[in-house]
Amino acid sequence: MFKRKNDPEEHNYLYGIPAVTSVGCLLGANMLGLSSVYTMGYLASSLCCIGGISGLASQSTARVGNALGIMGVSSGVVTALLAMNFPFPVLV
Protein backbone atom coordinates (compact mmCIF):
# COMPACT_ATOMS: atom_id res chain seq x y z
CA MET A 1 0.00 0.00 0.00
CA PHE A 2 2.77 2.44 0.90
CA LYS A 3 5.42 0.95 -1.34
CA ARG A 4 7.53 3.26 -3.48
CA LYS A 5 8.83 2.37 -6.93
CA ASN A 6 12.47 2.31 -5.81
CA ASP A 7 11.93 0.11 -2.70
CA PRO A 8 13.75 -3.22 -2.78
CA GLU A 9 11.77 -6.39 -3.32
CA GLU A 10 10.52 -8.00 -0.12
CA HIS A 11 10.47 -11.68 0.68
CA ASN A 12 8.30 -11.72 3.79
CA TYR A 13 6.95 -15.18 3.03
CA LEU A 14 10.35 -16.61 4.03
CA TYR A 15 9.52 -15.86 7.68
CA GLY A 16 7.07 -18.76 7.44
CA ILE A 17 9.91 -21.28 7.19
CA PRO A 18 11.09 -20.96 10.82
CA ALA A 19 7.50 -20.69 12.03
CA VAL A 20 6.44 -23.91 10.34
CA THR A 21 9.67 -25.61 11.41
CA SER A 22 9.21 -24.73 15.08
CA VAL A 23 5.57 -25.80 15.14
CA GLY A 24 6.44 -28.99 13.25
CA CYS A 25 9.24 -29.81 15.69
CA LEU A 26 6.87 -29.28 18.62
CA LEU A 27 4.27 -31.57 17.07
CA GLY A 28 6.87 -34.21 16.22
CA ALA A 29 8.36 -34.19 19.71
CA ASN A 30 4.88 -34.46 21.21
CA MET A 31 4.14 -37.48 19.05
CA LEU A 32 7.41 -39.09 20.22
CA GLY A 33 6.45 -38.47 23.85
CA LEU A 34 9.24 -36.04 24.72
CA SER A 35 7.81 -34.03 27.61
CA SER A 36 10.81 -31.72 28.00
CA VAL A 37 10.04 -30.08 24.66
CA TYR A 38 7.34 -27.95 26.27
CA THR A 39 9.89 -25.97 28.25
CA MET A 40 11.89 -25.32 25.09
CA GLY A 41 8.73 -24.35 23.24
CA TYR A 42 7.81 -21.84 25.90
CA LEU A 43 11.35 -20.45 25.90
CA ALA A 44 11.46 -20.07 22.11
CA SER A 45 8.02 -18.48 21.95
CA SER A 46 8.80 -16.03 24.75
CA LEU A 47 12.07 -15.01 23.09
CA CYS A 48 10.26 -14.46 19.79
CA CYS A 49 7.59 -12.37 21.51
CA ILE A 50 10.17 -10.24 23.30
CA GLY A 51 12.10 -9.83 20.05
CA GLY A 52 8.87 -8.87 18.32
CA ILE A 53 8.11 -6.18 20.89
CA SER A 54 11.61 -4.75 20.62
CA GLY A 55 11.40 -4.91 16.82
CA LEU A 56 8.28 -2.77 16.86
CA ALA A 57 10.22 0.05 18.52
CA SER A 58 11.35 1.57 15.23
CA GLN A 59 9.88 1.78 11.75
CA SER A 60 12.93 0.22 10.10
CA THR A 61 12.57 -3.00 12.10
CA ALA A 62 8.78 -3.11 12.41
CA ARG A 63 8.28 -5.74 9.72
CA VAL A 64 10.73 -8.12 11.38
CA GLY A 65 9.16 -7.38 14.77
CA ASN A 66 5.73 -8.20 13.43
CA ALA A 67 6.93 -11.50 11.97
CA LEU A 68 8.72 -12.44 15.21
CA GLY A 69 5.63 -11.63 17.24
CA ILE A 70 3.43 -13.81 15.03
CA MET A 71 5.91 -16.69 15.26
CA GLY A 72 6.14 -16.35 19.03
CA VAL A 73 2.42 -16.26 19.65
CA SER A 74 1.66 -19.14 17.27
CA SER A 75 4.34 -21.39 18.73
CA GLY A 76 3.25 -20.44 22.26
CA VAL A 77 -0.36 -21.38 21.55
CA VAL A 78 0.67 -24.71 20.01
CA THR A 79 2.99 -25.43 22.96
CA ALA A 80 0.24 -24.67 25.47
CA LEU A 81 -2.22 -26.92 23.66
CA LEU A 82 0.31 -29.74 23.42
CA ALA A 83 1.23 -29.41 27.10
CA MET A 84 -2.41 -30.13 27.99
CA ASN A 85 -1.96 -33.59 26.40
CA PHE A 86 -4.93 -33.43 24.10
CA PRO A 87 -5.16 -36.31 21.62
CA PHE A 88 -3.84 -35.34 18.18
CA PRO A 89 -7.25 -35.56 16.37
CA VAL A 90 -8.70 -33.11 18.89
CA LEU A 91 -5.85 -30.66 18.18
CA VAL A 92 -6.46 -30.88 14.44
PDB file of N, CA and C in Angstrom:
ATOM      1  N   MET A   1       0.830  -1.178   0.000  1.00  0.00           N
ATOM      2  CA  MET A   1       0.000   0.000   0.000  1.00  0.00           C
ATOM      3  C   MET A   1       0.881   1.250   0.000  1.00  0.00           C
ATOM      4  N   PHE A   2       1.913   1.265   0.817  1.00  0.00           N
ATOM      5  CA  PHE A   2       2.769   2.438   0.905  1.00  0.00           C
ATOM      6  C   PHE A   2       4.110   2.185   0.245  1.00  0.00           C
ATOM      7  N   LYS A   3       4.164   1.305  -0.716  1.00  0.00           N
ATOM      8  CA  LYS A   3       5.422   0.949  -1.344  1.00  0.00           C
ATOM      9  C   LYS A   3       5.776   1.948  -2.444  1.00  0.00           C
ATOM     10  N   ARG A   4       7.043   2.351  -2.447  1.00  0.00           N
ATOM     11  CA  ARG A   4       7.534   3.255  -3.478  1.00  0.00           C
ATOM     12  C   ARG A   4       8.113   2.438  -4.627  1.00  0.00           C
ATOM     13  N   LYS A   5       8.321   3.076  -5.751  1.00  0.00           N
ATOM     14  CA  LYS A   5       8.828   2.374  -6.931  1.00  0.00           C
ATOM     15  C   LYS A   5      10.274   1.913  -6.741  1.00  0.00           C
ATOM     16  N   ASN A   6      11.058   2.646  -5.974  1.00  0.00           N
ATOM     17  CA  ASN A   6      12.466   2.305  -5.810  1.00  0.00           C
ATOM     18  C   ASN A   6      12.752   1.464  -4.562  1.00  0.00           C
ATOM     19  N   ASP A   7      11.726   0.982  -3.861  1.00  0.00           N
ATOM     20  CA  ASP A   7      11.925   0.113  -2.699  1.00  0.00           C
ATOM     21  C   ASP A   7      12.408  -1.262  -3.164  1.00  0.00           C
ATOM     22  N   PRO A   8      13.294  -1.885  -2.391  1.00  0.00           N
ATOM     23  CA  PRO A   8      13.750  -3.217  -2.780  1.00  0.00           C
ATOM     24  C   PRO A   8      12.629  -4.250  -2.647  1.00  0.00           C
ATOM     25  N   GLU A   9      12.770  -5.334  -3.363  1.00  0.00           N
ATOM     26  CA  GLU A   9      11.769  -6.394  -3.322  1.00  0.00           C
ATOM     27  C   GLU A   9      11.796  -7.075  -1.953  1.00  0.00           C
ATOM     28  N   GLU A  10      10.620  -7.391  -1.437  1.00  0.00           N
ATOM     29  CA  GLU A  10      10.520  -8.004  -0.115  1.00  0.00           C
ATOM     30  C   GLU A  10      10.177  -9.479  -0.249  1.00  0.00           C
ATOM     31  N   HIS A  11      10.715 -10.247   0.649  1.00  0.00           N
ATOM     32  CA  HIS A  11      10.468 -11.684   0.675  1.00  0.00           C
ATOM     33  C   HIS A  11       9.943 -12.075   2.057  1.00  0.00           C
ATOM     34  N   ASN A  12       8.836 -11.500   2.447  1.00  0.00           N
ATOM     35  CA  ASN A  12       8.299 -11.723   3.787  1.00  0.00           C
ATOM     36  C   ASN A  12       7.775 -13.140   3.982  1.00  0.00           C
ATOM     37  N   TYR A  13       7.454 -13.827   2.910  1.00  0.00           N
ATOM     38  CA  TYR A  13       6.946 -15.184   3.030  1.00  0.00           C
ATOM     39  C   TYR A  13       8.015 -16.139   3.583  1.00  0.00           C
ATOM     40  N   LEU A  14       9.274 -15.758   3.514  1.00  0.00           N
ATOM     41  CA  LEU A  14      10.345 -16.608   4.025  1.00  0.00           C
ATOM     42  C   LEU A  14      10.334 -16.698   5.551  1.00  0.00           C
ATOM     43  N   TYR A  15       9.641 -15.774   6.233  1.00  0.00           N
ATOM     44  CA  TYR A  15       9.515 -15.864   7.683  1.00  0.00           C
ATOM     45  C   TYR A  15       8.646 -17.051   8.077  1.00  0.00           C
ATOM     46  N   GLY A  16       7.893 -17.582   7.149  1.00  0.00           N
ATOM     47  CA  GLY A  16       7.068 -18.758   7.437  1.00  0.00           C
ATOM     48  C   GLY A  16       7.875 -20.023   7.621  1.00  0.00           C
ATOM     49  N   ILE A  17       9.087 -20.078   7.072  1.00  0.00           N
ATOM     50  CA  ILE A  17       9.910 -21.284   7.194  1.00  0.00           C
ATOM     51  C   ILE A  17      10.272 -21.579   8.649  1.00  0.00           C
ATOM     52  N   PRO A  18      10.822 -20.621   9.418  1.00  0.00           N
ATOM     53  CA  PRO A  18      11.092 -20.956  10.822  1.00  0.00           C
ATOM     54  C   PRO A  18       9.834 -21.165  11.646  1.00  0.00           C
ATOM     55  N   ALA A  19       8.744 -20.503  11.287  1.00  0.00           N
ATOM     56  CA  ALA A  19       7.499 -20.689  12.032  1.00  0.00           C
ATOM     57  C   ALA A  19       6.967 -22.104  11.849  1.00  0.00           C
ATOM     58  N   VAL A  20       6.930 -22.562  10.613  1.00  0.00           N
ATOM     59  CA  VAL A  20       6.440 -23.914  10.336  1.00  0.00           C
ATOM     60  C   VAL A  20       7.398 -24.954  10.911  1.00  0.00           C
ATOM     61  N   THR A  21       8.688 -24.675  10.854  1.00  0.00           N
ATOM     62  CA  THR A  21       9.674 -25.609  11.409  1.00  0.00           C
ATOM     63  C   THR A  21       9.522 -25.749  12.916  1.00  0.00           C
ATOM     64  N   SER A  22       9.344 -24.651  13.623  1.00  0.00           N
ATOM     65  CA  SER A  22       9.214 -24.729  15.085  1.00  0.00           C
ATOM     66  C   SER A  22       7.927 -25.434  15.493  1.00  0.00           C
ATOM     67  N   VAL A  23       6.827 -25.134  14.819  1.00  0.00           N
ATOM     68  CA  VAL A  23       5.566 -25.801  15.145  1.00  0.00           C
ATOM     69  C   VAL A  23       5.648 -27.280  14.776  1.00  0.00           C
ATOM     70  N   GLY A  24       6.282 -27.595  13.647  1.00  0.00           N
ATOM     71  CA  GLY A  24       6.441 -28.990  13.247  1.00  0.00           C
ATOM     72  C   GLY A  24       7.311 -29.773  14.217  1.00  0.00           C
ATOM     73  N   CYS A  25       8.379 -29.153  14.697  1.00  0.00           N
ATOM     74  CA  CYS A  25       9.241 -29.814  15.690  1.00  0.00           C
ATOM     75  C   CYS A  25       8.490 -30.044  16.991  1.00  0.00           C
ATOM     76  N   LEU A  26       7.671 -29.093  17.398  1.00  0.00           N
ATOM     77  CA  LEU A  26       6.873 -29.282  18.616  1.00  0.00           C
ATOM     78  C   LEU A  26       5.890 -30.435  18.454  1.00  0.00           C
ATOM     79  N   LEU A  27       5.226 -30.491  17.308  1.00  0.00           N
ATOM     80  CA  LEU A  27       4.271 -31.572  17.067  1.00  0.00           C
ATOM     81  C   LEU A  27       4.980 -32.924  16.991  1.00  0.00           C
ATOM     82  N   GLY A  28       6.130 -32.961  16.323  1.00  0.00           N
ATOM     83  CA  GLY A  28       6.874 -34.208  16.221  1.00  0.00           C
ATOM     84  C   GLY A  28       7.373 -34.703  17.565  1.00  0.00           C
ATOM     85  N   ALA A  29       7.881 -33.797  18.388  1.00  0.00           N
ATOM     86  CA  ALA A  29       8.359 -34.185  19.711  1.00  0.00           C
ATOM     87  C   ALA A  29       7.211 -34.638  20.599  1.00  0.00           C
ATOM     88  N   ASN A  30       6.043 -34.041  20.433  1.00  0.00           N
ATOM     89  CA  ASN A  30       4.883 -34.460  21.213  1.00  0.00           C
ATOM     90  C   ASN A  30       4.461 -35.864  20.803  1.00  0.00           C
ATOM     91  N   MET A  31       4.520 -36.149  19.513  1.00  0.00           N
ATOM     92  CA  MET A  31       4.141 -37.483  19.050  1.00  0.00           C
ATOM     93  C   MET A  31       5.139 -38.542  19.515  1.00  0.00           C
ATOM     94  N   LEU A  32       6.400 -38.161  19.713  1.00  0.00           N
ATOM     95  CA  LEU A  32       7.407 -39.089  20.223  1.00  0.00           C
ATOM     96  C   LEU A  32       7.354 -39.237  21.738  1.00  0.00           C
ATOM     97  N   GLY A  33       6.602 -38.387  22.399  1.00  0.00           N
ATOM     98  CA  GLY A  33       6.451 -38.471  23.845  1.00  0.00           C
ATOM     99  C   GLY A  33       7.533 -37.753  24.632  1.00  0.00           C
ATOM    100  N   LEU A  34       8.198 -36.802  24.030  1.00  0.00           N
ATOM    101  CA  LEU A  34       9.242 -36.045  24.725  1.00  0.00           C
ATOM    102  C   LEU A  34       8.592 -34.899  25.501  1.00  0.00           C
ATOM    103  N   SER A  35       8.516 -35.037  26.808  1.00  0.00           N
ATOM    104  CA  SER A  35       7.807 -34.028  27.609  1.00  0.00           C
ATOM    105  C   SER A  35       8.652 -32.789  27.880  1.00  0.00           C
ATOM    106  N   SER A  36       9.974 -32.881  27.729  1.00  0.00           N
ATOM    107  CA  SER A  36      10.809 -31.716  28.004  1.00  0.00           C
ATOM    108  C   SER A  36      10.761 -30.681  26.884  1.00  0.00           C
ATOM    109  N   VAL A  37      10.104 -31.013  25.781  1.00  0.00           N
ATOM    110  CA  VAL A  37      10.038 -30.076  24.662  1.00  0.00           C
ATOM    111  C   VAL A  37       9.132 -28.887  24.987  1.00  0.00           C
ATOM    112  N   TYR A  38       8.250 -29.044  25.943  1.00  0.00           N
ATOM    113  CA  TYR A  38       7.341 -27.946  26.274  1.00  0.00           C
ATOM    114  C   TYR A  38       8.099 -26.766  26.856  1.00  0.00           C
ATOM    115  N   THR A  39       9.085 -27.043  27.672  1.00  0.00           N
ATOM    116  CA  THR A  39       9.894 -25.974  28.247  1.00  0.00           C
ATOM    117  C   THR A  39      10.637 -25.223  27.153  1.00  0.00           C
ATOM    118  N   MET A  40      11.191 -25.959  26.207  1.00  0.00           N
ATOM    119  CA  MET A  40      11.895 -25.318  25.094  1.00  0.00           C
ATOM    120  C   MET A  40      10.926 -24.543  24.198  1.00  0.00           C
ATOM    121  N   GLY A  41       9.728 -25.066  24.023  1.00  0.00           N
ATOM    122  CA  GLY A  41       8.727 -24.355  23.235  1.00  0.00           C
ATOM    123  C   GLY A  41       8.323 -23.044  23.875  1.00  0.00           C
ATOM    124  N   TYR A  42       8.139 -23.081  25.192  1.00  0.00           N
ATOM    125  CA  TYR A  42       7.809 -21.845  25.904  1.00  0.00           C
ATOM    126  C   TYR A  42       8.951 -20.842  25.836  1.00  0.00           C
ATOM    127  N   LEU A  43      10.184 -21.332  25.960  1.00  0.00           N
ATOM    128  CA  LEU A  43      11.345 -20.455  25.895  1.00  0.00           C
ATOM    129  C   LEU A  43      11.468 -19.805  24.522  1.00  0.00           C
ATOM    130  N   ALA A  44      11.335 -20.603  23.468  1.00  0.00           N
ATOM    131  CA  ALA A  44      11.459 -20.071  22.106  1.00  0.00           C
ATOM    132  C   ALA A  44      10.343 -19.073  21.809  1.00  0.00           C
ATOM    133  N   SER A  45       9.127 -19.393  22.225  1.00  0.00           N
ATOM    134  CA  SER A  45       8.023 -18.475  21.949  1.00  0.00           C
ATOM    135  C   SER A  45       8.157 -17.182  22.741  1.00  0.00           C
ATOM    136  N   SER A  46       8.638 -17.265  23.971  1.00  0.00           N
ATOM    137  CA  SER A  46       8.800 -16.032  24.747  1.00  0.00           C
ATOM    138  C   SER A  46       9.921 -15.165  24.183  1.00  0.00           C
ATOM    139  N   LEU A  47      10.996 -15.793  23.710  1.00  0.00           N
ATOM    140  CA  LEU A  47      12.074 -15.015  23.094  1.00  0.00           C
ATOM    141  C   LEU A  47      11.601 -14.352  21.796  1.00  0.00           C
ATOM    142  N   CYS A  48      10.794 -15.070  21.022  1.00  0.00           N
ATOM    143  CA  CYS A  48      10.263 -14.465  19.792  1.00  0.00           C
ATOM    144  C   CYS A  48       9.320 -13.309  20.110  1.00  0.00           C
ATOM    145  N   CYS A  49       8.501 -13.458  21.145  1.00  0.00           N
ATOM    146  CA  CYS A  49       7.585 -12.369  21.511  1.00  0.00           C
ATOM    147  C   CYS A  49       8.344 -11.143  22.014  1.00  0.00           C
ATOM    148  N   ILE A  50       9.364 -11.360  22.816  1.00  0.00           N
ATOM    149  CA  ILE A  50      10.167 -10.236  23.303  1.00  0.00           C
ATOM    150  C   ILE A  50      10.907  -9.578  22.151  1.00  0.00           C
ATOM    151  N   GLY A  51      11.447 -10.390  21.236  1.00  0.00           N
ATOM    152  CA  GLY A  51      12.099  -9.833  20.051  1.00  0.00           C
ATOM    153  C   GLY A  51      11.123  -9.077  19.165  1.00  0.00           C
ATOM    154  N   GLY A  52       9.888  -9.570  19.098  1.00  0.00           N
ATOM    155  CA  GLY A  52       8.869  -8.866  18.324  1.00  0.00           C
ATOM    156  C   GLY A  52       8.518  -7.516  18.921  1.00  0.00           C
ATOM    157  N   ILE A  53       8.414  -7.452  20.229  1.00  0.00           N
ATOM    158  CA  ILE A  53       8.111  -6.182  20.893  1.00  0.00           C
ATOM    159  C   ILE A  53       9.255  -5.191  20.696  1.00  0.00           C
ATOM    160  N   SER A  54      10.490  -5.671  20.828  1.00  0.00           N
ATOM    161  CA  SER A  54      11.615  -4.754  20.622  1.00  0.00           C
ATOM    162  C   SER A  54      11.763  -4.366  19.158  1.00  0.00           C
ATOM    163  N   GLY A  55      11.348  -5.249  18.242  1.00  0.00           N
ATOM    164  CA  GLY A  55      11.402  -4.915  16.822  1.00  0.00           C
ATOM    165  C   GLY A  55      10.386  -3.858  16.429  1.00  0.00           C
ATOM    166  N   LEU A  56       9.303  -3.762  17.165  1.00  0.00           N
ATOM    167  CA  LEU A  56       8.279  -2.768  16.862  1.00  0.00           C
ATOM    168  C   LEU A  56       8.650  -1.368  17.350  1.00  0.00           C
ATOM    169  N   ALA A  57       9.822  -1.240  17.957  1.00  0.00           N
ATOM    170  CA  ALA A  57      10.224   0.049  18.516  1.00  0.00           C
ATOM    171  C   ALA A  57      10.596   1.070  17.451  1.00  0.00           C
ATOM    172  N   SER A  58      10.992   0.617  16.277  1.00  0.00           N
ATOM    173  CA  SER A  58      11.348   1.569  15.233  1.00  0.00           C
ATOM    174  C   SER A  58      10.727   1.129  13.907  1.00  0.00           C
ATOM    175  N   GLN A  59      10.538   2.086  13.016  1.00  0.00           N
ATOM    176  CA  GLN A  59       9.884   1.776  11.747  1.00  0.00           C
ATOM    177  C   GLN A  59      10.757   0.916  10.840  1.00  0.00           C
ATOM    178  N   SER A  60      12.057   1.000  10.982  1.00  0.00           N
ATOM    179  CA  SER A  60      12.928   0.222  10.104  1.00  0.00           C
ATOM    180  C   SER A  60      12.928  -1.265  10.458  1.00  0.00           C
ATOM    181  N   THR A  61      12.598  -1.601  11.700  1.00  0.00           N
ATOM    182  CA  THR A  61      12.575  -3.005  12.100  1.00  0.00           C
ATOM    183  C   THR A  61      11.168  -3.504  12.402  1.00  0.00           C
ATOM    184  N   ALA A  62      10.152  -2.742  12.055  1.00  0.00           N
ATOM    185  CA  ALA A  62       8.781  -3.106  12.413  1.00  0.00           C
ATOM    186  C   ALA A  62       8.303  -4.355  11.685  1.00  0.00           C
ATOM    187  N   ARG A  63       8.717  -4.549  10.448  1.00  0.00           N
ATOM    188  CA  ARG A  63       8.276  -5.744   9.720  1.00  0.00           C
ATOM    189  C   ARG A  63       8.855  -7.012  10.341  1.00  0.00           C
ATOM    190  N   VAL A  64      10.108  -6.967  10.731  1.00  0.00           N
ATOM    191  CA  VAL A  64      10.727  -8.122  11.384  1.00  0.00           C
ATOM    192  C   VAL A  64      10.085  -8.348  12.755  1.00  0.00           C
ATOM    193  N   GLY A  65       9.808  -7.269  13.473  1.00  0.00           N
ATOM    194  CA  GLY A  65       9.161  -7.383  14.765  1.00  0.00           C
ATOM    195  C   GLY A  65       7.781  -7.997  14.666  1.00  0.00           C
ATOM    196  N   ASN A  66       7.047  -7.635  13.640  1.00  0.00           N
ATOM    197  CA  ASN A  66       5.725  -8.199  13.425  1.00  0.00           C
ATOM    198  C   ASN A  66       5.819  -9.693  13.146  1.00  0.00           C
ATOM    199  N   ALA A  67       6.761 -10.085  12.300  1.00  0.00           N
ATOM    200  CA  ALA A  67       6.934 -11.501  11.973  1.00  0.00           C
ATOM    201  C   ALA A  67       7.369 -12.303  13.198  1.00  0.00           C
ATOM    202  N   LEU A  68       8.288 -11.754  13.996  1.00  0.00           N
ATOM    203  CA  LEU A  68       8.722 -12.445  15.211  1.00  0.00           C
ATOM    204  C   LEU A  68       7.585 -12.594  16.216  1.00  0.00           C
ATOM    205  N   GLY A  69       6.772 -11.565  16.332  1.00  0.00           N
ATOM    206  CA  GLY A  69       5.630 -11.635  17.236  1.00  0.00           C
ATOM    207  C   GLY A  69       4.633 -12.695  16.819  1.00  0.00           C
ATOM    208  N   ILE A  70       4.362 -12.788  15.532  1.00  0.00           N
ATOM    209  CA  ILE A  70       3.429 -13.806  15.031  1.00  0.00           C
ATOM    210  C   ILE A  70       3.989 -15.205  15.269  1.00  0.00           C
ATOM    211  N   MET A  71       5.289 -15.383  15.018  1.00  0.00           N
ATOM    212  CA  MET A  71       5.907 -16.690  15.256  1.00  0.00           C
ATOM    213  C   MET A  71       5.875 -17.057  16.732  1.00  0.00           C
ATOM    214  N   GLY A  72       6.139 -16.084  17.593  1.00  0.00           N
ATOM    215  CA  GLY A  72       6.143 -16.353  19.029  1.00  0.00           C
ATOM    216  C   GLY A  72       4.778 -16.718  19.570  1.00  0.00           C
ATOM    217  N   VAL A  73       3.773 -15.992  19.153  1.00  0.00           N
ATOM    218  CA  VAL A  73       2.423 -16.263  19.650  1.00  0.00           C
ATOM    219  C   VAL A  73       1.911 -17.599  19.110  1.00  0.00           C
ATOM    220  N   SER A  74       2.151 -17.875  17.836  1.00  0.00           N
ATOM    221  CA  SER A  74       1.655 -19.136  17.271  1.00  0.00           C
ATOM    222  C   SER A  74       2.347 -20.336  17.905  1.00  0.00           C
ATOM    223  N   SER A  75       3.659 -20.268  18.097  1.00  0.00           N
ATOM    224  CA  SER A  75       4.338 -21.391  18.734  1.00  0.00           C
ATOM    225  C   SER A  75       3.972 -21.501  20.215  1.00  0.00           C
ATOM    226  N   GLY A  76       3.690 -20.398  20.870  1.00  0.00           N
ATOM    227  CA  GLY A  76       3.246 -20.440  22.262  1.00  0.00           C
ATOM    228  C   GLY A  76       1.875 -21.079  22.415  1.00  0.00           C
ATOM    229  N   VAL A  77       0.970 -20.771  21.506  1.00  0.00           N
ATOM    230  CA  VAL A  77      -0.364 -21.378  21.550  1.00  0.00           C
ATOM    231  C   VAL A  77      -0.275 -22.878  21.296  1.00  0.00           C
ATOM    232  N   VAL A  78       0.521 -23.280  20.305  1.00  0.00           N
ATOM    233  CA  VAL A  78       0.673 -24.706  20.010  1.00  0.00           C
ATOM    234  C   VAL A  78       1.325 -25.425  21.185  1.00  0.00           C
ATOM    235  N   THR A  79       2.333 -24.816  21.803  1.00  0.00           N
ATOM    236  CA  THR A  79       2.988 -25.434  22.958  1.00  0.00           C
ATOM    237  C   THR A  79       2.019 -25.582  24.124  1.00  0.00           C
ATOM    238  N   ALA A  80       1.212 -24.583  24.373  1.00  0.00           N
ATOM    239  CA  ALA A  80       0.245 -24.666  25.474  1.00  0.00           C
ATOM    240  C   ALA A  80      -0.792 -25.753  25.212  1.00  0.00           C
ATOM    241  N   LEU A  81      -1.248 -25.872  23.972  1.00  0.00           N
ATOM    242  CA  LEU A  81      -2.224 -26.918  23.658  1.00  0.00           C
ATOM    243  C   LEU A  81      -1.601 -28.304  23.766  1.00  0.00           C
ATOM    244  N   LEU A  82      -0.358 -28.435  23.330  1.00  0.00           N
ATOM    245  CA  LEU A  82       0.308 -29.738  23.423  1.00  0.00           C
ATOM    246  C   LEU A  82       0.620 -30.109  24.867  1.00  0.00           C
ATOM    247  N   ALA A  83       0.920 -29.130  25.697  1.00  0.00           N
ATOM    248  CA  ALA A  83       1.228 -29.408  27.100  1.00  0.00           C
ATOM    249  C   ALA A  83       0.004 -29.905  27.857  1.00  0.00           C
ATOM    250  N   MET A  84      -1.189 -29.639  27.348  1.00  0.00           N
ATOM    251  CA  MET A  84      -2.408 -30.128  27.987  1.00  0.00           C
ATOM    252  C   MET A  84      -2.699 -31.583  27.652  1.00  0.00           C
ATOM    253  N   ASN A  85      -1.861 -32.178  26.790  1.00  0.00           N
ATOM    254  CA  ASN A  85      -1.963 -33.587  26.403  1.00  0.00           C
ATOM    255  C   ASN A  85      -3.297 -33.949  25.766  1.00  0.00           C
ATOM    256  N   PHE A  86      -3.767 -33.079  24.889  1.00  0.00           N
ATOM    257  CA  PHE A  86      -4.930 -33.432  24.096  1.00  0.00           C
ATOM    258  C   PHE A  86      -4.546 -34.505  23.088  1.00  0.00           C
ATOM    259  N   PRO A  87      -5.455 -35.369  22.715  1.00  0.00           N
ATOM    260  CA  PRO A  87      -5.156 -36.306  21.621  1.00  0.00           C
ATOM    261  C   PRO A  87      -4.972 -35.528  20.309  1.00  0.00           C
ATOM    262  N   PHE A  88      -4.155 -36.052  19.422  1.00  0.00           N
ATOM    263  CA  PHE A  88      -3.840 -35.341  18.183  1.00  0.00           C
ATOM    264  C   PHE A  88      -5.075 -35.030  17.327  1.00  0.00           C
ATOM    265  N   PRO A  89      -6.050 -35.935  17.172  1.00  0.00           N
ATOM    266  CA  PRO A  89      -7.247 -35.564  16.375  1.00  0.00           C
ATOM    267  C   PRO A  89      -8.022 -34.385  16.955  1.00  0.00           C
ATOM    268  N   VAL A  90      -8.017 -34.237  18.270  1.00  0.00           N
ATOM    269  CA  VAL A  90      -8.704 -33.105  18.887  1.00  0.00           C
ATOM    270  C   VAL A  90      -7.973 -31.806  18.544  1.00  0.00           C
ATOM    271  N   LEU A  91      -6.623 -31.855  18.520  1.00  0.00           N
ATOM    272  CA  LEU A  91      -5.854 -30.657  18.176  1.00  0.00           C
ATOM    273  C   LEU A  91      -6.103 -30.240  16.742  1.00  0.00           C
ATOM    274  N   VAL A  92      -6.224 -31.217  15.858  1.00  0.00           N
ATOM    275  CA  VAL A  92      -6.462 -30.875  14.437  1.00  0.00           C
ATOM    276  C   VAL A  92      -7.831 -30.282  14.292  1.00  0.00           C
TER     277      VAL A  92
END
